[in-house]
Structures are given as structure tokens and as C-alpha cells.
Amino acid sequence: MTARHDHGNTPAAWTAVTIILIGSFAGGLGLVLGSGLGFYGGLGLMAGGAAIGKVMQMVGLGKQHA
């Protein structure tokens, strides 16, 4: 019996990862430029991306757990 590999290729996962990556870029740019607003805005965007991904999973756009 072979194991099935599921890498989470769902709309919820793609959306969450995209938002988190944008937030990471914004936060890193804010850190390098010395902008507290940019840094903390990026952190907020990353947290928001995780929350949006979870909400999307809960409405059926993510992987369903057994």
C-alpha cells in the first residue's frame, strides 16, 4: 500500500501563503528601512493571512480533516 502525499494544494492554503509572503516582504522592508509602521504592518498582515486561511478552511475551501 502506498502512502498518499497531500501537500495542501487548496485555495485556502494558497491564499494564506500568498498573504503571509507579502506581509513578510513588507515587514522585512520596514525593518531594513527603519520603519516601525512598515514592520508592524507586515507582522499584522502575516497574522491576518493565517486567520484568513483558517476561515477559508472552515467554510470548505481547505483540506477537510477526518
N, C-alpha and C. Protein backbone atom coordinates (compact mmCIF):
# COMPACT_ATOMS: atom_id res chain seq x y z
N MET A 1 0.85 -1.17 0.00
CA MET A 1 0.00 0.00 0.00
C MET A 1 0.90 1.24 0.00
N THR A 2 0.64 2.15 -0.90
CA THR A 2 1.48 3.35 -1.00
C THR A 2 0.84 4.49 -0.23
N ALA A 3 1.68 5.32 0.30
CA ALA A 3 1.20 6.49 1.05
C ALA A 3 0.82 7.59 0.07
N ARG A 4 -0.26 8.24 0.35
CA ARG A 4 -0.71 9.35 -0.49
C ARG A 4 -0.17 10.65 0.12
N HIS A 5 0.56 11.40 -0.67
CA HIS A 5 1.12 12.65 -0.18
C HIS A 5 0.21 13.80 -0.57
N ASP A 6 -0.28 14.49 0.43
CA ASP A 6 -1.15 15.64 0.20
C ASP A 6 -0.41 16.87 0.71
N HIS A 7 -0.09 17.76 -0.18
CA HIS A 7 0.70 18.93 0.19
C HIS A 7 -0.15 20.17 0.45
N GLY A 8 -1.44 19.99 0.64
CA GLY A 8 -2.30 21.13 0.97
C GLY A 8 -2.55 22.09 -0.17
N ASN A 9 -2.62 21.59 -1.38
CA ASN A 9 -2.88 22.45 -2.53
C ASN A 9 -4.36 22.82 -2.60
N THR A 10 -4.76 23.75 -1.76
CA THR A 10 -6.15 24.19 -1.70
C THR A 10 -6.19 25.71 -1.83
N PRO A 11 -7.35 26.27 -2.19
CA PRO A 11 -7.45 27.73 -2.25
C PRO A 11 -7.12 28.40 -0.92
N ALA A 12 -7.51 27.79 0.18
CA ALA A 12 -7.22 28.38 1.49
C ALA A 12 -5.71 28.44 1.75
N ALA A 13 -5.02 27.36 1.42
CA ALA A 13 -3.57 27.31 1.65
C ALA A 13 -2.84 28.31 0.75
N TRP A 14 -3.20 28.35 -0.53
CA TRP A 14 -2.54 29.28 -1.45
C TRP A 14 -2.79 30.73 -1.04
N THR A 15 -3.99 31.05 -0.63
CA THR A 15 -4.30 32.42 -0.22
C THR A 15 -3.52 32.79 1.03
N ALA A 16 -3.52 31.91 2.02
CA ALA A 16 -2.81 32.18 3.27
C ALA A 16 -1.32 32.39 3.01
N VAL A 17 -0.72 31.51 2.24
CA VAL A 17 0.72 31.60 1.97
C VAL A 17 1.05 32.87 1.20
N THR A 18 0.22 33.24 0.23
CA THR A 18 0.47 34.45 -0.55
C THR A 18 0.42 35.69 0.33
N ILE A 19 -0.60 35.79 1.18
CA ILE A 19 -0.72 36.95 2.07
C ILE A 19 0.42 36.98 3.07
N ILE A 20 0.79 35.83 3.61
CA ILE A 20 1.90 35.78 4.58
C ILE A 20 3.22 36.17 3.92
N LEU A 21 3.45 35.75 2.68
CA LEU A 21 4.67 36.14 1.97
C LEU A 21 4.72 37.64 1.72
N ILE A 22 3.59 38.23 1.34
CA ILE A 22 3.54 39.68 1.12
C ILE A 22 3.82 40.40 2.44
N GLY A 23 3.21 39.91 3.53
CA GLY A 23 3.45 40.51 4.84
C GLY A 23 4.90 40.38 5.27
N SER A 24 5.51 39.24 4.97
CA SER A 24 6.92 39.03 5.31
C SER A 24 7.81 40.01 4.55
N PHE A 25 7.52 40.18 3.27
CA PHE A 25 8.28 41.14 2.47
C PHE A 25 8.11 42.55 3.01
N ALA A 26 6.87 42.94 3.31
CA ALA A 26 6.61 44.29 3.83
C ALA A 26 7.28 44.50 5.17
N GLY A 27 7.20 43.50 6.05
CA GLY A 27 7.84 43.61 7.36
C GLY A 27 9.34 43.68 7.26
N GLY A 28 9.93 42.88 6.38
CA GLY A 28 11.38 42.92 6.18
C GLY A 28 11.84 44.24 5.61
N LEU A 29 11.08 44.75 4.66
CA LEU A 29 11.41 46.05 4.08
C LEU A 29 11.30 47.16 5.13
N GLY A 30 10.25 47.09 5.94
CA GLY A 30 10.09 48.06 7.02
C GLY A 30 11.23 47.99 8.01
N LEU A 31 11.69 46.79 8.30
CA LEU A 31 12.80 46.62 9.24
C LEU A 31 14.09 47.22 8.67
N VAL A 32 14.37 46.94 7.41
CA VAL A 32 15.59 47.45 6.78
C VAL A 32 15.55 48.97 6.67
N LEU A 33 14.38 49.53 6.36
CA LEU A 33 14.25 50.98 6.21
C LEU A 33 14.05 51.71 7.53
N GLY A 34 13.94 50.97 8.62
CA GLY A 34 13.77 51.59 9.92
C GLY A 34 12.37 52.12 10.15
N SER A 35 11.39 51.55 9.46
CA SER A 35 10.02 51.99 9.60
C SER A 35 9.26 51.04 10.51
N GLY A 36 8.95 51.52 11.70
CA GLY A 36 8.17 50.72 12.64
C GLY A 36 6.79 50.40 12.09
N LEU A 37 6.19 51.36 11.41
CA LEU A 37 4.86 51.15 10.83
C LEU A 37 4.91 50.04 9.78
N GLY A 38 5.92 50.05 8.93
CA GLY A 38 6.06 49.00 7.92
C GLY A 38 6.32 47.64 8.54
N PHE A 39 7.17 47.61 9.56
CA PHE A 39 7.49 46.35 10.23
C PHE A 39 6.26 45.75 10.90
N TYR A 40 5.60 46.56 11.73
CA TYR A 40 4.43 46.04 12.44
C TYR A 40 3.24 45.82 11.52
N GLY A 41 3.15 46.60 10.45
CA GLY A 41 2.11 46.36 9.45
C GLY A 41 2.32 45.02 8.78
N GLY A 42 3.57 44.68 8.48
CA GLY A 42 3.89 43.38 7.90
C GLY A 42 3.56 42.24 8.84
N LEU A 43 3.86 42.42 10.13
CA LEU A 43 3.50 41.40 11.12
C LEU A 43 1.99 41.21 11.18
N GLY A 44 1.27 42.32 11.14
CA GLY A 44 -0.18 42.26 11.16
C GLY A 44 -0.73 41.56 9.93
N LEU A 45 -0.11 41.83 8.78
CA LEU A 45 -0.54 41.19 7.54
C LEU A 45 -0.29 39.68 7.59
N MET A 46 0.83 39.28 8.19
CA MET A 46 1.10 37.86 8.32
C MET A 46 0.08 37.18 9.23
N ALA A 47 -0.26 37.81 10.34
CA ALA A 47 -1.28 37.25 11.24
C ALA A 47 -2.64 37.21 10.55
N GLY A 48 -2.95 38.25 9.79
CA GLY A 48 -4.21 38.29 9.06
C GLY A 48 -4.28 37.20 8.01
N GLY A 49 -3.17 36.93 7.34
CA GLY A 49 -3.12 35.87 6.34
C GLY A 49 -3.41 34.50 6.94
N ALA A 50 -2.84 34.26 8.12
CA ALA A 50 -3.10 32.99 8.80
C ALA A 50 -4.58 32.88 9.19
N ALA A 51 -5.14 33.97 9.68
CA ALA A 51 -6.55 33.97 10.07
C ALA A 51 -7.46 33.78 8.86
N ILE A 52 -7.15 34.45 7.76
CA ILE A 52 -7.96 34.32 6.54
C ILE A 52 -7.89 32.88 6.02
N GLY A 53 -6.72 32.28 6.04
CA GLY A 53 -6.59 30.89 5.61
C GLY A 53 -7.42 29.96 6.47
N LYS A 54 -7.43 30.19 7.78
CA LYS A 54 -8.22 29.34 8.68
C LYS A 54 -9.71 29.51 8.42
N VAL A 55 -10.16 30.75 8.22
CA VAL A 55 -11.57 30.99 7.93
C VAL A 55 -11.96 30.33 6.61
N MET A 56 -11.10 30.44 5.60
CA MET A 56 -11.39 29.80 4.32
C MET A 56 -11.47 28.28 4.47
N GLN A 57 -10.61 27.72 5.31
CA GLN A 57 -10.66 26.27 5.56
C GLN A 57 -11.98 25.90 6.23
N MET A 58 -12.42 26.71 7.17
CA MET A 58 -13.65 26.42 7.89
C MET A 58 -14.89 26.50 7.01
N VAL A 59 -14.86 27.32 5.96
CA VAL A 59 -16.02 27.42 5.06
C VAL A 59 -15.93 26.41 3.92
N GLY A 60 -14.93 25.53 3.94
CA GLY A 60 -14.87 24.44 2.98
C GLY A 60 -13.90 24.60 1.83
N LEU A 61 -13.04 25.60 1.88
CA LEU A 61 -12.08 25.81 0.80
C LEU A 61 -10.69 25.24 1.11
N GLY A 62 -10.58 24.54 2.22
CA GLY A 62 -9.30 23.96 2.61
C GLY A 62 -9.41 22.46 2.72
N LYS A 63 -8.36 21.85 3.23
CA LYS A 63 -8.34 20.42 3.41
C LYS A 63 -9.28 20.04 4.55
N GLN A 64 -10.11 19.07 4.29
CA GLN A 64 -11.04 18.59 5.31
C GLN A 64 -10.38 17.50 6.14
N HIS A 65 -10.40 17.66 7.43
CA HIS A 65 -9.79 16.67 8.33
C HIS A 65 -10.80 15.60 8.68
N ALA A 66 -10.31 14.40 8.84
CA ALA A 66 -11.20 13.28 9.15
C ALA A 66 -11.70 13.32 10.56
